[in-house]
PDB file of N, CA and C in Angstrom:
ATOM      1  N   MET A   1     125.692  49.811 131.826  1.00  0.00           N
ATOM      2  CA  MET A   1     125.334  48.460 131.364  1.00  0.00           C
ATOM      3  C   MET A   1     123.987  48.092 131.991  1.00  0.00           C
ATOM      4  N   LEU A   2     123.054  47.692 131.168  1.00  0.00           N
ATOM      5  CA  LEU A   2     121.741  47.225 131.638  1.00  0.00           C
ATOM      6  C   LEU A   2     121.790  45.750 132.214  1.00  0.00           C
ATOM      7  N   LYS A   3     120.929  45.500 133.118  1.00  0.00           N
ATOM      8  CA  LYS A   3     120.785  44.091 133.599  1.00  0.00           C
ATOM      9  C   LYS A   3     119.327  43.912 134.004  1.00  0.00           C
ATOM     10  N   ALA A   4     118.886  42.641 133.933  1.00  0.00           N
ATOM     11  CA  ALA A   4     117.472  42.325 134.267  1.00  0.00           C
ATOM     12  C   ALA A   4     117.163  42.788 135.682  1.00  0.00           C
ATOM     13  N   GLY A   5     116.073  43.377 135.848  1.00  0.00           N
ATOM     14  CA  GLY A   5     115.600  43.838 137.260  1.00  0.00           C
ATOM     15  C   GLY A   5     115.946  45.257 137.436  1.00  0.00           C
ATOM     16  N   LEU A   6     116.725  45.883 136.681  1.00  0.00           N
ATOM     17  CA  LEU A   6     117.054  47.319 136.805  1.00  0.00           C
ATOM     18  C   LEU A   6     115.827  48.143 136.605  1.00  0.00           C
ATOM     19  N   ARG A   7     115.586  49.100 137.556  1.00  0.00           N
ATOM     20  CA  ARG A   7     114.439  50.015 137.458  1.00  0.00           C
ATOM     21  C   ARG A   7     114.876  51.366 136.938  1.00  0.00           C
ATOM     22  N   LEU A   8     114.276  51.844 135.865  1.00  0.00           N
ATOM     23  CA  LEU A   8     114.629  53.099 135.240  1.00  0.00           C
ATOM     24  C   LEU A   8     113.392  54.063 135.161  1.00  0.00           C
ATOM     25  N   ALA A   9     113.668  55.270 135.021  1.00  0.00           N
ATOM     26  CA  ALA A   9     112.568  56.261 134.979  1.00  0.00           C
ATOM     27  C   ALA A   9     112.979  57.418 134.018  1.00  0.00           C
ATOM     28  N   CYS A  10     111.936  58.093 133.449  1.00  0.00           N
ATOM     29  CA  CYS A  10     112.164  59.222 132.638  1.00  0.00           C
ATOM     30  C   CYS A  10     112.388  60.437 133.630  1.00  0.00           C
ATOM     31  N   PRO A  11     113.389  61.233 133.332  1.00  0.00           N
ATOM     32  CA  PRO A  11     113.547  62.504 134.256  1.00  0.00           C
ATOM     33  C   PRO A  11     112.556  63.547 134.058  1.00  0.00           C
ATOM     34  N   ARG A  12     111.742  63.484 132.931  1.00  0.00           N
ATOM     35  CA  ARG A  12     110.879  64.609 132.663  1.00  0.00           C
ATOM     36  C   ARG A  12     109.403  64.238 132.766  1.00  0.00           C
ATOM     37  N   CYS A  13     109.014  62.940 132.878  1.00  0.00           N
ATOM     38  CA  CYS A  13     107.598  62.596 132.973  1.00  0.00           C
ATOM     39  C   CYS A  13     107.522  61.541 134.023  1.00  0.00           C
ATOM     40  N   THR A  14     106.310  60.856 134.103  1.00  0.00           N
ATOM     41  CA  THR A  14     106.073  59.813 135.055  1.00  0.00           C
ATOM     42  C   THR A  14     106.410  58.430 134.686  1.00  0.00           C
ATOM     43  N   THR A  15     106.877  58.191 133.495  1.00  0.00           N
ATOM     44  CA  THR A  15     107.198  56.883 132.998  1.00  0.00           C
ATOM     45  C   THR A  15     108.301  56.230 133.757  1.00  0.00           C
ATOM     46  N   GLU A  16     107.907  54.941 134.197  1.00  0.00           N
ATOM     47  CA  GLU A  16     108.937  54.113 134.895  1.00  0.00           C
ATOM     48  C   GLU A  16     108.852  52.739 134.298  1.00  0.00           C
ATOM     49  N   VAL A  17     110.025  52.069 134.140  1.00  0.00           N
ATOM     50  CA  VAL A  17     110.116  50.736 133.561  1.00  0.00           C
ATOM     51  C   VAL A  17     111.042  49.867 134.289  1.00  0.00           C
ATOM     52  N   VAL A  18     110.980  48.540 134.122  1.00  0.00           N
ATOM     53  CA  VAL A  18     111.857  47.587 134.706  1.00  0.00           C
ATOM     54  C   VAL A  18     112.473  46.746 133.491  1.00  0.00           C
ATOM     55  N   VAL A  19     113.747  46.559 133.502  1.00  0.00           N
ATOM     56  CA  VAL A  19     114.392  45.797 132.447  1.00  0.00           C
ATOM     57  C   VAL A  19     114.049  44.294 132.642  1.00  0.00           C
ATOM     58  N   VAL A  20     113.396  43.636 131.679  1.00  0.00           N
ATOM     59  CA  VAL A  20     113.032  42.261 131.721  1.00  0.00           C
ATOM     60  C   VAL A  20     114.159  41.449 131.098  1.00  0.00           C
ATOM     61  N   ARG A  21     114.557  41.900 129.876  1.00  0.00           N
ATOM     62  CA  ARG A  21     115.631  41.195 129.197  1.00  0.00           C
ATOM     63  C   ARG A  21     116.616  42.322 128.716  1.00  0.00           C
ATOM     64  N   ALA A  22     117.925  42.128 129.085  1.00  0.00           N
ATOM     65  CA  ALA A  22     118.947  43.154 128.796  1.00  0.00           C
ATOM     66  C   ALA A  22     119.736  42.747 127.603  1.00  0.00           C
ATOM     67  N   PRO A  23     120.129  43.661 126.789  1.00  0.00           N
ATOM     68  CA  PRO A  23     121.011  43.347 125.665  1.00  0.00           C
ATOM     69  C   PRO A  23     122.463  43.140 126.195  1.00  0.00           C
ATOM     70  N   ALA A  24     123.203  42.393 125.388  1.00  0.00           N
ATOM     71  CA  ALA A  24     124.589  42.164 125.739  1.00  0.00           C
ATOM     72  C   ALA A  24     125.461  43.429 125.568  1.00  0.00           C
ATOM     73  N   ASP A  25     125.178  44.262 124.581  1.00  0.00           N
ATOM     74  CA  ASP A  25     125.901  45.451 124.337  1.00  0.00           C
ATOM     75  C   ASP A  25     125.257  46.623 125.104  1.00  0.00           C
ATOM     76  N   ASP A  26     126.024  47.706 125.308  1.00  0.00           N
ATOM     77  CA  ASP A  26     125.567  48.920 125.902  1.00  0.00           C
ATOM     78  C   ASP A  26     124.669  49.642 124.888  1.00  0.00           C
ATOM     79  N   VAL A  27     123.520  50.107 125.366  1.00  0.00           N
ATOM     80  CA  VAL A  27     122.548  50.837 124.476  1.00  0.00           C
ATOM     81  C   VAL A  27     122.118  52.117 125.180  1.00  0.00           C
ATOM     82  N   MET A  28     121.556  53.056 124.475  1.00  0.00           N
ATOM     83  CA  MET A  28     121.038  54.323 124.990  1.00  0.00           C
ATOM     84  C   MET A  28     119.552  54.277 125.010  1.00  0.00           C
ATOM     85  N   LEU A  29     118.977  54.278 126.148  1.00  0.00           N
ATOM     86  CA  LEU A  29     117.475  54.258 126.399  1.00  0.00           C
ATOM     87  C   LEU A  29     117.050  55.730 126.601  1.00  0.00           C
ATOM     88  N   THR A  30     115.993  56.112 125.832  1.00  0.00           N
ATOM     89  CA  THR A  30     115.468  57.377 126.006  1.00  0.00           C
ATOM     90  C   THR A  30     113.955  57.391 126.092  1.00  0.00           C
ATOM     91  N   CYS A  31     113.349  58.410 126.696  1.00  0.00           N
ATOM     92  CA  CYS A  31     111.981  58.633 126.670  1.00  0.00           C
ATOM     93  C   CYS A  31     111.723  59.963 126.076  1.00  0.00           C
ATOM     94  N   SER A  32     111.249  60.019 124.838  1.00  0.00           N
ATOM     95  CA  SER A  32     111.005  61.362 124.123  1.00  0.00           C
ATOM     96  C   SER A  32     112.286  62.126 124.147  1.00  0.00           C
ATOM     97  N   GLU A  33     113.384  61.486 123.781  1.00  0.00           N
ATOM     98  CA  GLU A  33     114.694  62.087 123.692  1.00  0.00           C
ATOM     99  C   GLU A  33     115.365  62.460 124.929  1.00  0.00           C
ATOM    100  N   SER A  34     114.844  62.110 126.099  1.00  0.00           N
ATOM    101  CA  SER A  34     115.455  62.347 127.422  1.00  0.00           C
ATOM    102  C   SER A  34     116.056  60.949 127.878  1.00  0.00           C
ATOM    103  N   ALA A  35     117.368  60.898 128.261  1.00  0.00           N
ATOM    104  CA  ALA A  35     117.935  59.717 128.698  1.00  0.00           C
ATOM    105  C   ALA A  35     117.289  59.204 129.963  1.00  0.00           C
ATOM    106  N   LEU A  36     116.957  57.861 130.057  1.00  0.00           N
ATOM    107  CA  LEU A  36     116.424  57.344 131.275  1.00  0.00           C
ATOM    108  C   LEU A  36     117.439  57.356 132.424  1.00  0.00           C
ATOM    109  N   VAL A  37     116.944  57.502 133.676  1.00  0.00           N
ATOM    110  CA  VAL A  37     117.864  57.513 134.788  1.00  0.00           C
ATOM    111  C   VAL A  37     117.328  56.491 135.804  1.00  0.00           C
ATOM    112  N   GLY A  38     118.072  56.148 136.819  1.00  0.00           N
ATOM    113  CA  GLY A  38     117.588  55.237 137.864  1.00  0.00           C
ATOM    114  C   GLY A  38     116.376  55.875 138.565  1.00  0.00           C
ATOM    115  N   VAL A  39     115.492  55.008 139.030  1.00  0.00           N
ATOM    116  CA  VAL A  39     114.239  55.425 139.732  1.00  0.00           C
ATOM    117  C   VAL A  39     114.538  56.346 140.913  1.00  0.00           C
ATOM    118  N   ASP A  40     115.658  56.052 141.619  1.00  0.00           N
ATOM    119  CA  ASP A  40     115.934  56.877 142.805  1.00  0.00           C
ATOM    120  C   ASP A  40     116.622  58.222 142.465  1.00  0.00           C
ATOM    121  N   SER A  41     116.955  58.478 141.233  1.00  0.00           N
ATOM    122  CA  SER A  41     117.604  59.690 140.886  1.00  0.00           C
ATOM    123  C   SER A  41     116.693  60.961 140.915  1.00  0.00           C
ATOM    124  N   ALA A  42     117.203  62.112 141.158  1.00  0.00           N
ATOM    125  CA  ALA A  42     116.401  63.287 141.141  1.00  0.00           C
ATOM    126  C   ALA A  42     115.879  63.527 139.746  1.00  0.00           C
ATOM    127  N   ARG A  43     114.545  63.843 139.622  1.00  0.00           N
ATOM    128  CA  ARG A  43     113.833  64.043 138.351  1.00  0.00           C
ATOM    129  C   ARG A  43     113.184  65.406 138.345  1.00  0.00           C
ATOM    130  N   GLU A  44     113.446  66.147 137.298  1.00  0.00           N
ATOM    131  CA  GLU A  44     112.886  67.509 137.166  1.00  0.00           C
ATOM    132  C   GLU A  44     111.349  67.545 136.858  1.00  0.00           C
ATOM    133  N   GLY A  45     110.844  66.530 136.154  1.00  0.00           N
ATOM    134  CA  GLY A  45     109.388  66.465 136.004  1.00  0.00           C
ATOM    135  C   GLY A  45     108.763  67.642 135.249  1.00  0.00           C
ATOM    136  N   THR A  46     109.482  68.127 134.234  1.00  0.00           N
ATOM    137  CA  THR A  46     108.989  69.316 133.507  1.00  0.00           C
ATOM    138  C   THR A  46     108.066  68.941 132.380  1.00  0.00           C
ATOM    139  N   GLY A  47     108.026  67.617 132.036  1.00  0.00           N
ATOM    140  CA  GLY A  47     107.115  67.154 130.956  1.00  0.00           C
ATOM    141  C   GLY A  47     107.799  67.223 129.585  1.00  0.00           C
ATOM    142  N   HIS A  48     107.183  66.570 128.655  1.00  0.00           N
ATOM    143  CA  HIS A  48     107.659  66.535 127.229  1.00  0.00           C
ATOM    144  C   HIS A  48     106.817  67.378 126.353  1.00  0.00           C
ATOM    145  N   PRO A  49     107.393  67.874 125.282  1.00  0.00           N
ATOM    146  CA  PRO A  49     106.546  68.463 124.288  1.00  0.00           C
ATOM    147  C   PRO A  49     105.661  67.361 123.713  1.00  0.00           C
ATOM    148  N   THR A  50     104.616  67.750 123.010  1.00  0.00           N
ATOM    149  CA  THR A  50     103.669  66.828 122.439  1.00  0.00           C
ATOM    150  C   THR A  50     104.386  65.774 121.563  1.00  0.00           C
ATOM    151  N   THR A  51     104.204  64.474 121.799  1.00  0.00           N
ATOM    152  CA  THR A  51     104.878  63.504 121.072  1.00  0.00           C
ATOM    153  C   THR A  51     104.111  62.864 119.986  1.00  0.00           C
ATOM    154  N   GLY A  52     102.724  63.062 120.032  1.00  0.00           N
ATOM    155  CA  GLY A  52     101.949  62.439 118.972  1.00  0.00           C
ATOM    156  C   GLY A  52     101.646  61.010 119.179  1.00  0.00           C
ATOM    157  N   THR A  53     102.086  60.477 120.305  1.00  0.00           N
ATOM    158  CA  THR A  53     101.795  59.001 120.542  1.00  0.00           C
ATOM    159  C   THR A  53     100.913  58.911 121.764  1.00  0.00           C
ATOM    160  N   ASP A  54     100.500  57.671 122.060  1.00  0.00           N
ATOM    161  CA  ASP A  54      99.644  57.414 123.183  1.00  0.00           C
ATOM    162  C   ASP A  54     100.391  57.318 124.495  1.00  0.00           C
ATOM    163  N   GLY A  55     101.686  57.344 124.437  1.00  0.00           N
ATOM    164  CA  GLY A  55     102.550  57.280 125.606  1.00  0.00           C
ATOM    165  C   GLY A  55     102.748  55.809 126.053  1.00  0.00           C
ATOM    166  N   MET A  56     103.261  55.575 127.157  1.00  0.00           N
ATOM    167  CA  MET A  56     103.601  54.284 127.687  1.00  0.00           C
ATOM    168  C   MET A  56     102.379  53.814 128.478  1.00  0.00           C
ATOM    169  N   LEU A  57     102.025  52.514 128.320  1.00  0.00           N
ATOM    170  CA  LEU A  57     100.818  51.924 128.932  1.00  0.00           C
ATOM    171  C   LEU A  57     101.251  51.046 130.033  1.00  0.00           C
ATOM    172  N   LEU A  58     100.645  51.163 131.268  1.00  0.00           N
ATOM    173  CA  LEU A  58     100.929  50.351 132.423  1.00  0.00           C
ATOM    174  C   LEU A  58     100.727  48.859 132.191  1.00  0.00           C
ATOM    175  N   GLY A  59     101.778  48.061 132.555  1.00  0.00           N
ATOM    176  CA  GLY A  59     101.741  46.641 132.423  1.00  0.00           C
ATOM    177  C   GLY A  59     102.089  46.029 131.081  1.00  0.00           C
ATOM    178  N   LYS A  60     102.341  46.913 130.055  1.00  0.00           N
ATOM    179  CA  LYS A  60     102.727  46.427 128.760  1.00  0.00           C
ATOM    180  C   LYS A  60     104.217  46.214 128.669  1.00  0.00           C
ATOM    181  N   ARG A  61     104.616  45.302 127.827  1.00  0.00           N
ATOM    182  CA  ARG A  61     106.088  44.981 127.558  1.00  0.00           C
ATOM    183  C   ARG A  61     106.420  45.567 126.327  1.00  0.00           C
ATOM    184  N   TYR A  62     107.502  46.337 126.298  1.00  0.00           N
ATOM    185  CA  TYR A  62     108.049  46.970 125.115  1.00  0.00           C
ATOM    186  C   TYR A  62     109.363  46.381 124.703  1.00  0.00           C
ATOM    187  N   VAL A  63     109.550  46.129 123.410  1.00  0.00           N
ATOM    188  CA  VAL A  63     110.730  45.373 122.906  1.00  0.00           C
ATOM    189  C   VAL A  63     111.373  46.154 121.799  1.00  0.00           C
ATOM    190  N   ASP A  64     112.711  45.863 121.714  1.00  0.00           N
ATOM    191  CA  ASP A  64     113.517  46.300 120.532  1.00  0.00           C
ATOM    192  C   ASP A  64     114.234  45.023 120.156  1.00  0.00           C
ATOM    193  N   GLU A  65     113.787  44.408 119.050  1.00  0.00           N
ATOM    194  CA  GLU A  65     114.394  43.141 118.591  1.00  0.00           C
ATOM    195  C   GLU A  65     115.840  43.302 118.180  1.00  0.00           C
ATOM    196  N   PRO A  66     116.339  44.284 117.498  1.00  0.00           N
ATOM    197  CA  PRO A  66     117.727  44.330 117.113  1.00  0.00           C
ATOM    198  C   PRO A  66     118.669  44.298 118.310  1.00  0.00           C
ATOM    199  N   ALA A  67     118.308  44.940 119.408  1.00  0.00           N
ATOM    200  CA  ALA A  67     119.125  44.984 120.629  1.00  0.00           C
ATOM    201  C   ALA A  67     118.751  43.838 121.642  1.00  0.00           C
ATOM    202  N   ASP A  68     117.753  43.104 121.349  1.00  0.00           N
ATOM    203  CA  ASP A  68     117.343  41.971 122.231  1.00  0.00           C
ATOM    204  C   ASP A  68     117.045  42.573 123.609  1.00  0.00           C
ATOM    205  N   LEU A  69     116.154  43.605 123.603  1.00  0.00           N
ATOM    206  CA  LEU A  69     115.836  44.329 124.834  1.00  0.00           C
ATOM    207  C   LEU A  69     114.333  44.200 125.099  1.00  0.00           C
ATOM    208  N   GLU A  70     113.931  44.028 126.354  1.00  0.00           N
ATOM    209  CA  GLU A  70     112.537  43.926 126.766  1.00  0.00           C
ATOM    210  C   GLU A  70     112.308  44.742 128.048  1.00  0.00           C
ATOM    211  N   LEU A  71     111.366  45.681 128.038  1.00  0.00           N
ATOM    212  CA  LEU A  71     111.054  46.517 129.205  1.00  0.00           C
ATOM    213  C   LEU A  71     109.621  46.269 129.624  1.00  0.00           C
ATOM    214  N   LEU A  72     109.352  46.339 130.915  1.00  0.00           N
ATOM    215  CA  LEU A  72     108.012  46.246 131.387  1.00  0.00           C
ATOM    216  C   LEU A  72     107.680  47.671 132.038  1.00  0.00           C
ATOM    217  N   CYS A  73     106.535  48.265 131.555  1.00  0.00           N
ATOM    218  CA  CYS A  73     106.132  49.577 132.026  1.00  0.00           C
ATOM    219  C   CYS A  73     105.486  49.363 133.429  1.00  0.00           C
ATOM    220  N   THR A  74     106.030  50.022 134.434  1.00  0.00           N
ATOM    221  CA  THR A  74     105.451  49.881 135.779  1.00  0.00           C
ATOM    222  C   THR A  74     104.763  51.158 136.186  1.00  0.00           C
ATOM    223  N   LYS A  75     104.993  52.266 135.466  1.00  0.00           N
ATOM    224  CA  LYS A  75     104.233  53.483 135.766  1.00  0.00           C
ATOM    225  C   LYS A  75     104.029  54.165 134.382  1.00  0.00           C
ATOM    226  N   ALA A  76     102.796  54.413 134.030  1.00  0.00           N
ATOM    227  CA  ALA A  76     102.448  54.950 132.753  1.00  0.00           C
ATOM    228  C   ALA A  76     102.979  56.429 132.614  1.00  0.00           C
ATOM    229  N   GLY A  77     103.113  56.850 131.383  1.00  0.00           N
ATOM    230  CA  GLY A  77     103.527  58.332 131.161  1.00  0.00           C
ATOM    231  C   GLY A  77     103.344  58.621 129.700  1.00  0.00           C
ATOM    232  N   PRO A  78     103.409  59.899 129.394  1.00  0.00           N
ATOM    233  CA  PRO A  78     103.127  60.420 128.032  1.00  0.00           C
ATOM    234  C   PRO A  78     104.220  60.216 127.014  1.00  0.00           C
ATOM    235  N   GLY A  79     105.432  59.910 127.402  1.00  0.00           N
ATOM    236  CA  GLY A  79     106.551  59.837 126.555  1.00  0.00           C
ATOM    237  C   GLY A  79     106.575  58.577 125.669  1.00  0.00           C
ATOM    238  N   ALA A  80     107.534  58.497 124.821  1.00  0.00           N
ATOM    239  CA  ALA A  80     107.712  57.310 123.855  1.00  0.00           C
ATOM    240  C   ALA A  80     109.189  56.815 124.081  1.00  0.00           C
ATOM    241  N   LEU A  81     109.210  55.524 124.462  1.00  0.00           N
ATOM    242  CA  LEU A  81     110.568  54.903 124.735  1.00  0.00           C
ATOM    243  C   LEU A  81     111.271  54.609 123.409  1.00  0.00           C
ATOM    244  N   ALA A  82     112.602  54.745 123.455  1.00  0.00           N
ATOM    245  CA  ALA A  82     113.414  54.415 122.249  1.00  0.00           C
ATOM    246  C   ALA A  82     114.733  53.821 122.710  1.00  0.00           C
ATOM    247  N   CYS A  83     115.297  52.943 121.931  1.00  0.00           N
ATOM    248  CA  CYS A  83     116.596  52.296 122.183  1.00  0.00           C
ATOM    249  C   CYS A  83     117.507  52.649 121.005  1.00  0.00           C
ATOM    250  N   ASP A  84     118.616  53.387 121.243  1.00  0.00           N
ATOM    251  CA  ASP A  84     119.470  53.857 120.228  1.00  0.00           C
ATOM    252  C   ASP A  84     118.703  54.530 119.069  1.00  0.00           C
ATOM    253  N   GLY A  85     117.702  55.288 119.391  1.00  0.00           N
ATOM    254  CA  GLY A  85     117.011  56.020 118.393  1.00  0.00           C
ATOM    255  C   GLY A  85     115.786  55.281 117.779  1.00  0.00           C
ATOM    256  N   ARG A  86     115.710  53.961 118.014  1.00  0.00           N
ATOM    257  CA  ARG A  86     114.562  53.128 117.510  1.00  0.00           C
ATOM    258  C   ARG A  86     113.400  53.083 118.564  1.00  0.00           C
ATOM    259  N   VAL A  87     112.224  53.533 118.086  1.00  0.00           N
ATOM    260  CA  VAL A  87     111.061  53.559 119.015  1.00  0.00           C
ATOM    261  C   VAL A  87     110.722  52.098 119.344  1.00  0.00           C
ATOM    262  N   LEU A  88     110.463  51.815 120.613  1.00  0.00           N
ATOM    263  CA  LEU A  88     110.163  50.495 121.087  1.00  0.00           C
ATOM    264  C   LEU A  88     108.674  50.230 120.806  1.00  0.00           C
ATOM    265  N   GLY A  89     108.355  48.957 120.386  1.00  0.00           N
ATOM    266  CA  GLY A  89     107.065  48.504 120.115  1.00  0.00           C
ATOM    267  C   GLY A  89     106.514  47.654 121.240  1.00  0.00           C
ATOM    268  N   ILE A  90     105.230  47.492 121.310  1.00  0.00           N
ATOM    269  CA  ILE A  90     104.568  46.654 122.271  1.00  0.00           C
ATOM    270  C   ILE A  90     104.675  45.194 121.856  1.00  0.00           C
ATOM    271  N   ARG A  91     105.149  44.387 122.854  1.00  0.00           N
ATOM    272  CA  ARG A  91     105.275  42.915 122.489  1.00  0.00           C
ATOM    273  C   ARG A  91     103.918  42.302 122.469  1.00  0.00           C
ATOM    274  N   GLY A  92     103.737  41.546 121.384  1.00  0.00           N
ATOM    275  CA  GLY A  92     102.391  40.857 121.154  1.00  0.00           C
ATOM    276  C   GLY A  92     102.264  39.691 122.045  1.00  0.00           C
ATOM    277  N   ALA A  93     101.036  39.206 122.129  1.00  0.00           N
ATOM    278  CA  ALA A  93     100.791  38.043 122.982  1.00  0.00           C
ATOM    279  C   ALA A  93     101.264  36.740 122.219  1.00  0.00           C
ATOM    280  N   LYS A  94     101.656  35.727 122.974  1.00  0.00           N
ATOM    281  CA  LYS A  94     102.143  34.557 122.368  1.00  0.00           C
ATOM    282  C   LYS A  94     100.911  33.764 121.926  1.00  0.00           C
ATOM    283  N   PRO A  95     101.006  33.180 120.693  1.00  0.00           N
ATOM    284  CA  PRO A  95      99.823  32.388 120.229  1.00  0.00           C
ATOM    285  C   PRO A  95      99.630  31.103 121.085  1.00  0.00           C
ATOM    286  N   LEU A  96      98.441  30.720 121.317  1.00  0.00           N
ATOM    287  CA  LEU A  96      98.181  29.468 122.028  1.00  0.00           C
ATOM    288  C   LEU A  96      98.198  28.366 121.079  1.00  0.00           C
ATOM    289  N   PRO A  97      98.631  27.139 121.571  1.00  0.00           N
ATOM    290  CA  PRO A  97      98.605  25.972 120.660  1.00  0.00           C
ATOM    291  C   PRO A  97      97.126  25.678 120.251  1.00  0.00           C
ATOM    292  N   SER A  98      96.987  25.055 119.152  1.00  0.00           N
ATOM    293  CA  SER A  98      95.680  24.728 118.686  1.00  0.00           C
ATOM    294  C   SER A  98      95.129  23.515 119.485  1.00  0.00           C
ATOM    295  N   SER A  99      93.864  23.378 119.652  1.00  0.00           N
ATOM    296  CA  SER A  99      93.312  22.292 120.451  1.00  0.00           C
ATOM    297  C   SER A  99      92.683  21.179 119.542  1.00  0.00           C
ATOM    298  N   ASP A 100      93.335  21.000 118.427  1.00  0.00           N
ATOM    299  CA  ASP A 100      92.819  19.957 117.462  1.00  0.00           C
ATOM    300  C   ASP A 100      92.815  18.661 118.076  1.00  0.00           C
TER     301      ASP A 100
END
């Protein structure tokens, strides 16, 4: 079960994330089809096959609206994050109020 503040990492690449908003239900988080593990877990670091994506960007927030999940990337990597098979998208900036 995920909870806010939990630190996760990809076992095959350098990607690391922190859970900012956790879903109420249990979900499967993956990085290029490898299940994420705790940051302190042993990681093989063998890398991913070419994913065709830009990978994870440091400091960006990634969201999955159907699961109400938000992750913050704390260490960039070449993989692509997914929640229950749905690729996570970068959260857009909040629009500022007009100064009329």
